[in-house]
Amino acid sequence: MLQVLFGLGLVLAAVAGTAWLLRRFAPGQIGAGGVVKLIGGVAVGPKERLVLVEIGDTWLVLGVAPGRVNALHTLSRPEGGAFAVDSATADGNGFPAWLKQAMQGRKLG
């Protein structure tokens, strides 16, 4: 019985080690070299997310759902890489106001 448990533990350790190696040395991640950066994201539903991605000096707001990615808005990168409040967002005419209005329009009931 001890020999069977030891063999099972060895197989499970090998599977876990292989999974770690595949995640660590995935082929698609080496060539990016920092061109595309994920700034942040938030879940807006069980399978839907809003994601902010930086590509060069441009930020893209993407809507991500299973089998689909939509570009919702394009922004120029703020100075210092942080969010900056400008006059368009301060008076309620910017992207945050549009997003809030769009999300309220999608609610049922």
PDB file of N, CA and C in Angstrom:
ATOM      1  N   MET A   1       0.820  -1.186   0.000  1.00  0.00           N
ATOM      2  CA  MET A   1       0.000   0.000   0.000  1.00  0.00           C
ATOM      3  C   MET A   1       0.873   1.262   0.000  1.00  0.00           C
ATOM      4  N   LEU A   2       1.934   1.226   0.773  1.00  0.00           N
ATOM      5  CA  LEU A   2       2.845   2.371   0.831  1.00  0.00           C
ATOM      6  C   LEU A   2       3.509   2.615  -0.526  1.00  0.00           C
ATOM      7  N   GLN A   3       3.826   1.541  -1.221  1.00  0.00           N
ATOM      8  CA  GLN A   3       4.462   1.654  -2.536  1.00  0.00           C
ATOM      9  C   GLN A   3       3.499   2.296  -3.545  1.00  0.00           C
ATOM     10  N   VAL A   4       2.221   1.980  -3.495  1.00  0.00           N
ATOM     11  CA  VAL A   4       1.226   2.567  -4.390  1.00  0.00           C
ATOM     12  C   VAL A   4       1.066   4.061  -4.099  1.00  0.00           C
ATOM     13  N   LEU A   5       0.983   4.432  -2.828  1.00  0.00           N
ATOM     14  CA  LEU A   5       0.868   5.844  -2.459  1.00  0.00           C
ATOM     15  C   LEU A   5       2.106   6.644  -2.877  1.00  0.00           C
ATOM     16  N   PHE A   6       3.265   6.049  -2.720  1.00  0.00           N
ATOM     17  CA  PHE A   6       4.499   6.718  -3.153  1.00  0.00           C
ATOM     18  C   PHE A   6       4.494   6.921  -4.669  1.00  0.00           C
ATOM     19  N   GLY A   7       4.077   5.934  -5.422  1.00  0.00           N
ATOM     20  CA  GLY A   7       4.000   6.058  -6.882  1.00  0.00           C
ATOM     21  C   GLY A   7       3.004   7.123  -7.298  1.00  0.00           C
ATOM     22  N   LEU A   8       1.849   7.162  -6.638  1.00  0.00           N
ATOM     23  CA  LEU A   8       0.846   8.176  -6.936  1.00  0.00           C
ATOM     24  C   LEU A   8       1.383   9.572  -6.641  1.00  0.00           C
ATOM     25  N   GLY A   9       2.053   9.732  -5.516  1.00  0.00           N
ATOM     26  CA  GLY A   9       2.644  11.032  -5.176  1.00  0.00           C
ATOM     27  C   GLY A   9       3.697  11.455  -6.183  1.00  0.00           C
ATOM     28  N   LEU A  10       4.480  10.496  -6.658  1.00  0.00           N
ATOM     29  CA  LEU A  10       5.504  10.800  -7.662  1.00  0.00           C
ATOM     30  C   LEU A  10       4.870  11.258  -8.970  1.00  0.00           C
ATOM     31  N   VAL A  11       3.802  10.593  -9.399  1.00  0.00           N
ATOM     32  CA  VAL A  11       3.114  10.982 -10.636  1.00  0.00           C
ATOM     33  C   VAL A  11       2.482  12.360 -10.495  1.00  0.00           C
ATOM     34  N   LEU A  12       1.834  12.637  -9.367  1.00  0.00           N
ATOM     35  CA  LEU A  12       1.232  13.951  -9.147  1.00  0.00           C
ATOM     36  C   LEU A  12       2.286  15.059  -9.108  1.00  0.00           C
ATOM     37  N   ALA A  13       3.426  14.787  -8.507  1.00  0.00           N
ATOM     38  CA  ALA A  13       4.516  15.771  -8.481  1.00  0.00           C
ATOM     39  C   ALA A  13       5.041  16.025  -9.891  1.00  0.00           C
ATOM     40  N   ALA A  14       5.128  14.989 -10.707  1.00  0.00           N
ATOM     41  CA  ALA A  14       5.597  15.160 -12.090  1.00  0.00           C
ATOM     42  C   ALA A  14       4.605  15.994 -12.899  1.00  0.00           C
ATOM     43  N   VAL A  15       3.315  15.775 -12.711  1.00  0.00           N
ATOM     44  CA  VAL A  15       2.298  16.564 -13.425  1.00  0.00           C
ATOM     45  C   VAL A  15       2.358  18.031 -12.991  1.00  0.00           C
ATOM     46  N   ALA A  16       2.470  18.266 -11.697  1.00  0.00           N
ATOM     47  CA  ALA A  16       2.554  19.637 -11.201  1.00  0.00           C
ATOM     48  C   ALA A  16       3.821  20.331 -11.698  1.00  0.00           C
ATOM     49  N   GLY A  17       4.934  19.623 -11.705  1.00  0.00           N
ATOM     50  CA  GLY A  17       6.180  20.199 -12.210  1.00  0.00           C
ATOM     51  C   GLY A  17       6.116  20.525 -13.688  1.00  0.00           C
ATOM     52  N   THR A  18       5.496  19.655 -14.465  1.00  0.00           N
ATOM     53  CA  THR A  18       5.350  19.910 -15.902  1.00  0.00           C
ATOM     54  C   THR A  18       4.450  21.118 -16.145  1.00  0.00           C
ATOM     55  N   ALA A  19       3.357  21.231 -15.400  1.00  0.00           N
ATOM     56  CA  ALA A  19       2.464  22.382 -15.548  1.00  0.00           C
ATOM     57  C   ALA A  19       3.190  23.679 -15.198  1.00  0.00           C
ATOM     58  N   TRP A  20       3.995  23.657 -14.144  1.00  0.00           N
ATOM     59  CA  TRP A  20       4.757  24.854 -13.763  1.00  0.00           C
ATOM     60  C   TRP A  20       5.749  25.244 -14.858  1.00  0.00           C
ATOM     61  N   LEU A  21       6.442  24.260 -15.409  1.00  0.00           N
ATOM     62  CA  LEU A  21       7.404  24.543 -16.475  1.00  0.00           C
ATOM     63  C   LEU A  21       6.721  25.105 -17.717  1.00  0.00           C
ATOM     64  N   LEU A  22       5.571  24.559 -18.084  1.00  0.00           N
ATOM     65  CA  LEU A  22       4.855  25.064 -19.249  1.00  0.00           C
ATOM     66  C   LEU A  22       4.394  26.499 -19.039  1.00  0.00           C
ATOM     67  N   ARG A  23       3.932  26.820 -17.838  1.00  0.00           N
ATOM     68  CA  ARG A  23       3.530  28.197 -17.554  1.00  0.00           C
ATOM     69  C   ARG A  23       4.725  29.138 -17.530  1.00  0.00           C
ATOM     70  N   ARG A  24       5.809  28.674 -16.987  1.00  0.00           N
ATOM     71  CA  ARG A  24       7.011  29.509 -16.854  1.00  0.00           C
ATOM     72  C   ARG A  24       7.669  29.807 -18.192  1.00  0.00           C
ATOM     73  N   PHE A  25       7.718  28.819 -19.067  1.00  0.00           N
ATOM     74  CA  PHE A  25       8.416  28.964 -20.343  1.00  0.00           C
ATOM     75  C   PHE A  25       7.453  28.843 -21.518  1.00  0.00           C
ATOM     76  N   ALA A  26       6.287  29.472 -21.416  1.00  0.00           N
ATOM     77  CA  ALA A  26       5.301  29.429 -22.503  1.00  0.00           C
ATOM     78  C   ALA A  26       5.868  30.132 -23.731  1.00  0.00           C
ATOM     79  N   PRO A  27       5.673  29.571 -24.934  1.00  0.00           N
ATOM     80  CA  PRO A  27       6.281  30.133 -26.136  1.00  0.00           C
ATOM     81  C   PRO A  27       5.767  31.517 -26.511  1.00  0.00           C
ATOM     82  N   GLY A  28       4.538  31.876 -26.226  1.00  0.00           N
ATOM     83  CA  GLY A  28       4.000  33.159 -26.647  1.00  0.00           C
ATOM     84  C   GLY A  28       4.445  34.336 -25.806  1.00  0.00           C
ATOM     85  N   GLN A  29       5.020  34.112 -24.648  1.00  0.00           N
ATOM     86  CA  GLN A  29       5.347  35.207 -23.745  1.00  0.00           C
ATOM     87  C   GLN A  29       6.763  35.736 -23.911  1.00  0.00           C
ATOM     88  N   ILE A  30       7.628  34.997 -24.538  1.00  0.00           N
ATOM     89  CA  ILE A  30       9.025  35.416 -24.627  1.00  0.00           C
ATOM     90  C   ILE A  30       9.220  36.556 -25.613  1.00  0.00           C
ATOM     91  N   GLY A  31       8.540  36.536 -26.766  1.00  0.00           N
ATOM     92  CA  GLY A  31       8.763  37.512 -27.821  1.00  0.00           C
ATOM     93  C   GLY A  31       8.158  38.869 -27.583  1.00  0.00           C
ATOM     94  N   ALA A  32       7.264  39.040 -26.608  1.00  0.00           N
ATOM     95  CA  ALA A  32       6.569  40.309 -26.434  1.00  0.00           C
ATOM     96  C   ALA A  32       7.525  41.420 -26.018  1.00  0.00           C
ATOM     97  N   GLY A  33       8.421  41.157 -25.104  1.00  0.00           N
ATOM     98  CA  GLY A  33       9.436  42.131 -24.720  1.00  0.00           C
ATOM     99  C   GLY A  33       8.870  43.415 -24.151  1.00  0.00           C
ATOM    100  N   GLY A  34       7.711  43.396 -23.521  1.00  0.00           N
ATOM    101  CA  GLY A  34       7.157  44.580 -22.907  1.00  0.00           C
ATOM    102  C   GLY A  34       6.417  45.493 -23.859  1.00  0.00           C
ATOM    103  N   VAL A  35       6.096  45.060 -25.071  1.00  0.00           N
ATOM    104  CA  VAL A  35       5.371  45.894 -26.014  1.00  0.00           C
ATOM    105  C   VAL A  35       3.929  46.074 -25.567  1.00  0.00           C
ATOM    106  N   VAL A  36       3.320  45.017 -25.087  1.00  0.00           N
ATOM    107  CA  VAL A  36       1.944  45.051 -24.619  1.00  0.00           C
ATOM    108  C   VAL A  36       1.943  44.842 -23.110  1.00  0.00           C
ATOM    109  N   LYS A  37       1.307  45.776 -22.388  1.00  0.00           N
ATOM    110  CA  LYS A  37       1.243  45.670 -20.932  1.00  0.00           C
ATOM    111  C   LYS A  37      -0.214  45.711 -20.493  1.00  0.00           C
ATOM    112  N   LEU A  38      -0.556  44.868 -19.554  1.00  0.00           N
ATOM    113  CA  LEU A  38      -1.876  44.871 -18.956  1.00  0.00           C
ATOM    114  C   LEU A  38      -1.869  45.857 -17.796  1.00  0.00           C
ATOM    115  N   ILE A  39      -2.656  46.921 -17.911  1.00  0.00           N
ATOM    116  CA  ILE A  39      -2.708  47.938 -16.869  1.00  0.00           C
ATOM    117  C   ILE A  39      -3.660  47.503 -15.760  1.00  0.00           C
ATOM    118  N   GLY A  40      -4.817  46.977 -16.128  1.00  0.00           N
ATOM    119  CA  GLY A  40      -5.776  46.536 -15.128  1.00  0.00           C
ATOM    120  C   GLY A  40      -7.002  45.958 -15.780  1.00  0.00           C
ATOM    121  N   GLY A  41      -7.889  45.436 -14.959  1.00  0.00           N
ATOM    122  CA  GLY A  41      -9.119  44.868 -15.473  1.00  0.00           C
ATOM    123  C   GLY A  41     -10.125  44.705 -14.362  1.00  0.00           C
ATOM    124  N   VAL A  42     -11.384  44.601 -14.742  1.00  0.00           N
ATOM    125  CA  VAL A  42     -12.451  44.426 -13.773  1.00  0.00           C
ATOM    126  C   VAL A  42     -13.523  43.536 -14.395  1.00  0.00           C
ATOM    127  N   ALA A  43     -14.095  42.649 -13.580  1.00  0.00           N
ATOM    128  CA  ALA A  43     -15.173  41.789 -14.043  1.00  0.00           C
ATOM    129  C   ALA A  43     -16.475  42.579 -14.028  1.00  0.00           C
ATOM    130  N   VAL A  44     -17.217  42.528 -15.127  1.00  0.00           N
ATOM    131  CA  VAL A  44     -18.516  43.200 -15.199  1.00  0.00           C
ATOM    132  C   VAL A  44     -19.649  42.189 -15.300  1.00  0.00           C
ATOM    133  N   GLY A  45     -19.324  40.938 -15.300  1.00  0.00           N
ATOM    134  CA  GLY A  45     -20.306  39.860 -15.353  1.00  0.00           C
ATOM    135  C   GLY A  45     -19.605  38.556 -15.041  1.00  0.00           C
ATOM    136  N   PRO A  46     -20.341  37.442 -15.074  1.00  0.00           N
ATOM    137  CA  PRO A  46     -19.705  36.167 -14.749  1.00  0.00           C
ATOM    138  C   PRO A  46     -18.618  35.756 -15.732  1.00  0.00           C
ATOM    139  N   LYS A  47     -18.749  36.154 -16.984  1.00  0.00           N
ATOM    140  CA  LYS A  47     -17.741  35.791 -17.991  1.00  0.00           C
ATOM    141  C   LYS A  47     -17.228  36.992 -18.767  1.00  0.00           C
ATOM    142  N   GLU A  48     -17.626  38.191 -18.404  1.00  0.00           N
ATOM    143  CA  GLU A  48     -17.227  39.394 -19.121  1.00  0.00           C
ATOM    144  C   GLU A  48     -16.302  40.247 -18.271  1.00  0.00           C
ATOM    145  N   ARG A  49     -15.335  40.881 -18.938  1.00  0.00           N
ATOM    146  CA  ARG A  49     -14.378  41.736 -18.245  1.00  0.00           C
ATOM    147  C   ARG A  49     -14.115  42.993 -19.064  1.00  0.00           C
ATOM    148  N   LEU A  50     -13.760  44.071 -18.388  1.00  0.00           N
ATOM    149  CA  LEU A  50     -13.186  45.251 -19.012  1.00  0.00           C
ATOM    150  C   LEU A  50     -11.703  45.230 -18.693  1.00  0.00           C
ATOM    151  N   VAL A  51     -10.883  45.421 -19.721  1.00  0.00           N
ATOM    152  CA  VAL A  51      -9.442  45.330 -19.559  1.00  0.00           C
ATOM    153  C   VAL A  51      -8.807  46.579 -20.149  1.00  0.00           C
ATOM    154  N   LEU A  52      -7.840  47.135 -19.436  1.00  0.00           N
ATOM    155  CA  LEU A  52      -7.080  48.282 -19.921  1.00  0.00           C
ATOM    156  C   LEU A  52      -5.693  47.793 -20.295  1.00  0.00           C
ATOM    157  N   VAL A  53      -5.324  47.971 -21.573  1.00  0.00           N
ATOM    158  CA  VAL A  53      -4.070  47.466 -22.119  1.00  0.00           C
ATOM    159  C   VAL A  53      -3.267  48.631 -22.676  1.00  0.00           C
ATOM    160  N   GLU A  54      -1.967  48.640 -22.409  1.00  0.00           N
ATOM    161  CA  GLU A  54      -1.072  49.667 -22.942  1.00  0.00           C
ATOM    162  C   GLU A  54      -0.261  49.091 -24.088  1.00  0.00           C
ATOM    163  N   ILE A  55      -0.322  49.753 -25.233  1.00  0.00           N
ATOM    164  CA  ILE A  55       0.488  49.381 -26.393  1.00  0.00           C
ATOM    165  C   ILE A  55       1.223  50.637 -26.827  1.00  0.00           C
ATOM    166  N   GLY A  56       2.508  50.695 -26.562  1.00  0.00           N
ATOM    167  CA  GLY A  56       3.284  51.897 -26.871  1.00  0.00           C
ATOM    168  C   GLY A  56       2.788  53.056 -26.029  1.00  0.00           C
ATOM    169  N   ASP A  57       2.359  54.133 -26.700  1.00  0.00           N
ATOM    170  CA  ASP A  57       1.839  55.311 -26.005  1.00  0.00           C
ATOM    171  C   ASP A  57       0.317  55.361 -26.039  1.00  0.00           C
ATOM    172  N   THR A  58      -0.328  54.248 -26.331  1.00  0.00           N
ATOM    173  CA  THR A  58      -1.780  54.191 -26.442  1.00  0.00           C
ATOM    174  C   THR A  58      -2.350  53.206 -25.435  1.00  0.00           C
ATOM    175  N   TRP A  59      -3.435  53.591 -24.805  1.00  0.00           N
ATOM    176  CA  TRP A  59      -4.174  52.699 -23.917  1.00  0.00           C
ATOM    177  C   TRP A  59      -5.454  52.298 -24.621  1.00  0.00           C
ATOM    178  N   LEU A  60      -5.793  51.023 -24.573  1.00  0.00           N
ATOM    179  CA  LEU A  60      -7.018  50.508 -25.155  1.00  0.00           C
ATOM    180  C   LEU A  60      -7.909  49.955 -24.055  1.00  0.00           C
ATOM    181  N   VAL A  61      -9.173  50.340 -24.071  1.00  0.00           N
ATOM    182  CA  VAL A  61     -10.155  49.746 -23.177  1.00  0.00           C
ATOM    183  C   VAL A  61     -10.847  48.661 -23.986  1.00  0.00           C
ATOM    184  N   LEU A  62     -10.716  47.414 -23.533  1.00  0.00           N
ATOM    185  CA  LEU A  62     -11.248  46.272 -24.262  1.00  0.00           C
ATOM    186  C   LEU A  62     -12.347  45.597 -23.464  1.00  0.00           C
ATOM    187  N   GLY A  63     -13.389  45.204 -24.152  1.00  0.00           N
ATOM    188  CA  GLY A  63     -14.422  44.369 -23.567  1.00  0.00           C
ATOM    189  C   GLY A  63     -14.120  42.934 -23.953  1.00  0.00           C
ATOM    190  N   VAL A  64     -13.950  42.071 -22.969  1.00  0.00           N
ATOM    191  CA  VAL A  64     -13.553  40.693 -23.213  1.00  0.00           C
ATOM    192  C   VAL A  64     -14.662  39.768 -22.736  1.00  0.00           C
ATOM    193  N   ALA A  65     -15.124  38.908 -23.651  1.00  0.00           N
ATOM    194  CA  ALA A  65     -16.133  37.894 -23.349  1.00  0.00           C
ATOM    195  C   ALA A  65     -15.670  36.597 -23.997  1.00  0.00           C
ATOM    196  N   PRO A  66     -16.251  35.479 -23.631  1.00  0.00           N
ATOM    197  CA  PRO A  66     -15.829  34.208 -24.238  1.00  0.00           C
ATOM    198  C   PRO A  66     -15.943  34.247 -25.763  1.00  0.00           C
ATOM    199  N   GLY A  67     -14.830  34.067 -26.427  1.00  0.00           N
ATOM    200  CA  GLY A  67     -14.802  34.049 -27.892  1.00  0.00           C
ATOM    201  C   GLY A  67     -14.889  35.407 -28.547  1.00  0.00           C
ATOM    202  N   ARG A  68     -14.732  36.500 -27.788  1.00  0.00           N
ATOM    203  CA  ARG A  68     -14.907  37.818 -28.370  1.00  0.00           C
ATOM    204  C   ARG A  68     -14.121  38.867 -27.598  1.00  0.00           C
ATOM    205  N   VAL A  69     -13.465  39.777 -28.339  1.00  0.00           N
ATOM    206  CA  VAL A  69     -12.766  40.922 -27.747  1.00  0.00           C
ATOM    207  C   VAL A  69     -13.152  42.150 -28.569  1.00  0.00           C
ATOM    208  N   ASN A  70     -13.679  43.172 -27.910  1.00  0.00           N
ATOM    209  CA  ASN A  70     -14.090  44.405 -28.588  1.00  0.00           C
ATOM    210  C   ASN A  70     -13.308  45.585 -28.048  1.00  0.00           C
ATOM    211  N   ALA A  71     -12.828  46.443 -28.938  1.00  0.00           N
ATOM    212  CA  ALA A  71     -12.186  47.684 -28.528  1.00  0.00           C
ATOM    213  C   ALA A  71     -13.287  48.692 -28.223  1.00  0.00           C
ATOM    214  N   LEU A  72     -13.352  49.157 -26.972  1.00  0.00           N
ATOM    215  CA  LEU A  72     -14.401  50.080 -26.561  1.00  0.00           C
ATOM    216  C   LEU A  72     -13.971  51.533 -26.642  1.00  0.00           C
ATOM    217  N   HIS A  73     -12.694  51.784 -26.346  1.00  0.00           N
ATOM    218  CA  HIS A  73     -12.219  53.164 -26.324  1.00  0.00           C
ATOM    219  C   HIS A  73     -10.705  53.185 -26.466  1.00  0.00           C
ATOM    220  N   THR A  74     -10.181  54.241 -27.053  1.00  0.00           N
ATOM    221  CA  THR A  74      -8.739  54.429 -27.199  1.00  0.00           C
ATOM    222  C   THR A  74      -8.349  55.714 -26.478  1.00  0.00           C
ATOM    223  N   LEU A  75      -7.305  55.622 -25.668  1.00  0.00           N
ATOM    224  CA  LEU A  75      -6.819  56.770 -24.905  1.00  0.00           C
ATOM    225  C   LEU A  75      -5.341  56.958 -25.166  1.00  0.00           C
ATOM    226  N   SER A  76      -4.867  58.192 -25.077  1.00  0.00           N
ATOM    227  CA  SER A  76      -3.429  58.396 -25.072  1.00  0.00           C
ATOM    228  C   SER A  76      -2.934  58.157 -23.654  1.00  0.00           C
ATOM    229  N   ARG A  77      -1.724  57.623 -23.519  1.00  0.00           N
ATOM    230  CA  ARG A  77      -1.200  57.299 -22.199  1.00  0.00           C
ATOM    231  C   ARG A  77      -1.011  58.570 -21.382  1.00  0.00           C
ATOM    232  N   PRO A  78      -1.556  58.610 -20.165  1.00  0.00           N
ATOM    233  CA  PRO A  78      -1.351  59.785 -19.308  1.00  0.00           C
ATOM    234  C   PRO A  78       0.117  59.918 -18.916  1.00  0.00           C
ATOM    235  N   GLU A  79       0.529  61.114 -18.609  1.00  0.00           N
ATOM    236  CA  GLU A  79       1.909  61.331 -18.196  1.00  0.00           C
ATOM    237  C   GLU A  79       2.171  60.603 -16.895  1.00  0.00           C
ATOM    238  N   GLY A  80       3.272  59.906 -16.815  1.00  0.00           N
ATOM    239  CA  GLY A  80       3.617  59.151 -15.635  1.00  0.00           C
ATOM    240  C   GLY A  80       2.930  57.796 -15.579  1.00  0.00           C
ATOM    241  N   GLY A  81       2.100  57.484 -16.557  1.00  0.00           N
ATOM    242  CA  GLY A  81       1.431  56.195 -16.596  1.00  0.00           C
ATOM    243  C   GLY A  81       0.280  56.049 -15.626  1.00  0.00           C
ATOM    244  N   ALA A  82      -0.108  57.133 -14.951  1.00  0.00           N
ATOM    245  CA  ALA A  82      -1.202  57.060 -13.987  1.00  0.00           C
ATOM    246  C   ALA A  82      -2.433  57.732 -14.581  1.00  0.00           C
ATOM    247  N   PHE A  83      -3.578  57.453 -13.994  1.00  0.00           N
ATOM    248  CA  PHE A  83      -4.803  58.078 -14.464  1.00  0.00           C
ATOM    249  C   PHE A  83      -4.773  59.551 -14.114  1.00  0.00           C
ATOM    250  N   ALA A  84      -5.134  60.374 -15.065  1.00  0.00           N
ATOM    251  CA  ALA A  84      -5.181  61.812 -14.850  1.00  0.00           C
ATOM    252  C   ALA A  84      -6.600  62.290 -15.129  1.00  0.00           C
ATOM    253  N   VAL A  85      -7.121  63.156 -14.269  1.00  0.00           N
ATOM    254  CA  VAL A  85      -8.450  63.704 -14.478  1.00  0.00           C
ATOM    255  C   VAL A  85      -8.290  64.998 -15.238  1.00  0.00           C
ATOM    256  N   ASP A  86      -8.881  65.052 -16.432  1.00  0.00           N
ATOM    257  CA  ASP A  86      -8.815  66.269 -17.225  1.00  0.00           C
ATOM    258  C   ASP A  86     -10.193  66.921 -17.251  1.00  0.00           C
ATOM    259  N   SER A  87     -10.338  68.002 -18.009  1.00  0.00           N
ATOM    260  CA  SER A  87     -11.602  68.731 -18.021  1.00  0.00           C
ATOM    261  C   SER A  87     -12.723  67.913 -18.648  1.00  0.00           C
ATOM    262  N   ALA A  88     -12.419  67.015 -19.576  1.00  0.00           N
ATOM    263  CA  ALA A  88     -13.466  66.204 -20.209  1.00  0.00           C
ATOM    264  C   ALA A  88     -14.094  65.232 -19.226  1.00  0.00           C
ATOM    265  N   THR A  89     -13.299  64.660 -18.331  1.00  0.00           N
ATOM    266  CA  THR A  89     -13.855  63.720 -17.352  1.00  0.00           C
ATOM    267  C   THR A  89     -14.419  64.441 -16.144  1.00  0.00           C
ATOM    268  N   ALA A  90     -13.914  65.627 -15.833  1.00  0.00           N
ATOM    269  CA  ALA A  90     -14.388  66.354 -14.663  1.00  0.00           C
ATOM    270  C   ALA A  90     -15.813  66.869 -14.856  1.00  0.00           C
ATOM    271  N   ASP A  91     -16.190  67.257 -16.092  1.00  0.00           N
ATOM    272  CA  ASP A  91     -17.537  67.789 -16.311  1.00  0.00           C
ATOM    273  C   ASP A  91     -18.544  66.718 -16.721  1.00  0.00           C
ATOM    274  N   GLY A  92     -18.145  65.433 -16.710  1.00  0.00           N
ATOM    275  CA  GLY A  92     -19.086  64.352 -16.967  1.00  0.00           C
ATOM    276  C   GLY A  92     -19.259  63.997 -18.426  1.00  0.00           C
ATOM    277  N   ASN A  93     -18.404  64.487 -19.315  1.00  0.00           N
ATOM    278  CA  ASN A  93     -18.541  64.197 -20.737  1.00  0.00           C
ATOM    279  C   ASN A  93     -17.506  63.199 -21.238  1.00  0.00           C
ATOM    280  N   GLY A  94     -16.700  62.637 -20.364  1.00  0.00           N
ATOM    281  CA  GLY A  94     -15.632  61.742 -20.782  1.00  0.00           C
ATOM    282  C   GLY A  94     -16.046  60.286 -20.774  1.00  0.00           C
ATOM    283  N   PHE A  95     -15.061  59.430 -20.900  1.00  0.00           N
ATOM    284  CA  PHE A  95     -15.293  57.993 -20.970  1.00  0.00           C
ATOM    285  C   PHE A  95     -15.942  57.419 -19.723  1.00  0.00           C
ATOM    286  N   PRO A  96     -15.553  57.832 -18.501  1.00  0.00           N
ATOM    287  CA  PRO A  96     -16.222  57.266 -17.317  1.00  0.00           C
ATOM    288  C   PRO A  96     -17.728  57.516 -17.314  1.00  0.00           C
ATOM    289  N   ALA A  97     -18.140  58.700 -17.730  1.00  0.00           N
ATOM    290  CA  ALA A  97     -19.576  59.002 -17.773  1.00  0.00           C
ATOM    291  C   ALA A  97     -20.262  58.159 -18.840  1.00  0.00           C
ATOM    292  N   TRP A  98     -19.620  58.003 -19.982  1.00  0.00           N
ATOM    293  CA  TRP A  98     -20.192  57.172 -21.049  1.00  0.00           C
ATOM    294  C   TRP A  98     -20.329  55.726 -20.592  1.00  0.00           C
ATOM    295  N   LEU A  99     -19.305  55.195 -19.921  1.00  0.00           N
ATOM    296  CA  LEU A  99     -19.344  53.814 -19.453  1.00  0.00           C
ATOM    297  C   LEU A  99     -20.460  53.617 -18.426  1.00  0.00           C
ATOM    298  N   LYS A 100     -20.606  54.558 -17.513  1.00  0.00           N
ATOM    299  CA  LYS A 100     -21.665  54.459 -16.507  1.00  0.00           C
ATOM    300  C   LYS A 100     -23.036  54.460 -17.168  1.00  0.00           C
ATOM    301  N   GLN A 101     -23.229  55.344 -18.146  1.00  0.00           N
ATOM    302  CA  GLN A 101     -24.498  55.414 -18.854  1.00  0.00           C
ATOM    303  C   GLN A 101     -24.763  54.135 -19.642  1.00  0.00           C
ATOM    304  N   ALA A 102     -23.743  53.580 -20.273  1.00  0.00           N
ATOM    305  CA  ALA A 102     -23.903  52.350 -21.045  1.00  0.00           C
ATOM    306  C   ALA A 102     -24.234  51.169 -20.140  1.00  0.00           C
ATOM    307  N   MET A 103     -23.592  51.091 -18.977  1.00  0.00           N
ATOM    308  CA  MET A 103     -23.861  49.997 -18.045  1.00  0.00           C
ATOM    309  C   MET A 103     -25.269  50.106 -17.471  1.00  0.00           C
ATOM    310  N   GLN A 104     -25.762  51.320 -17.207  1.00  0.00           N
ATOM    311  CA  GLN A 104     -27.123  51.489 -16.693  1.00  0.00           C
ATOM    312  C   GLN A 104     -28.153  51.139 -17.764  1.00  0.00           C
ATOM    313  N   GLY A 105     -27.830  51.375 -19.008  1.00  0.00           N
ATOM    314  CA  GLY A 105     -28.737  51.055 -20.104  1.00  0.00           C
ATOM    315  C   GLY A 105     -28.874  49.557 -20.340  1.00  0.00           C
ATOM    316  N   ARG A 106     -27.883  48.773 -19.918  1.00  0.00           N
ATOM    317  CA  ARG A 106     -27.914  47.321 -20.137  1.00  0.00           C
ATOM    318  C   ARG A 106     -28.630  46.580 -19.015  1.00  0.00           C
ATOM    319  N   LYS A 107     -28.887  47.242 -17.891  1.00  0.00           N
ATOM    320  CA  LYS A 107     -29.551  46.575 -16.763  1.00  0.00           C
ATOM    321  C   LYS A 107     -31.009  46.276 -17.136  1.00  0.00           C
ATOM    322  N   LEU A 108     -31.446  45.103 -16.736  1.00  0.00           N
ATOM    323  CA  LEU A 108     -32.840  44.714 -16.970  1.00  0.00           C
ATOM    324  C   LEU A 108     -33.659  45.007 -15.730  1.00  0.00           C
ATOM    325  N   GLY A 109     -34.890  45.428 -15.935  1.00  0.00           N
ATOM    326  CA  GLY A 109     -35.774  45.612 -14.785  1.00  0.00           C
ATOM    327  C   GLY A 109     -36.021  47.003 -14.557  1.00  0.00           C
TER     328      GLY A 109
END
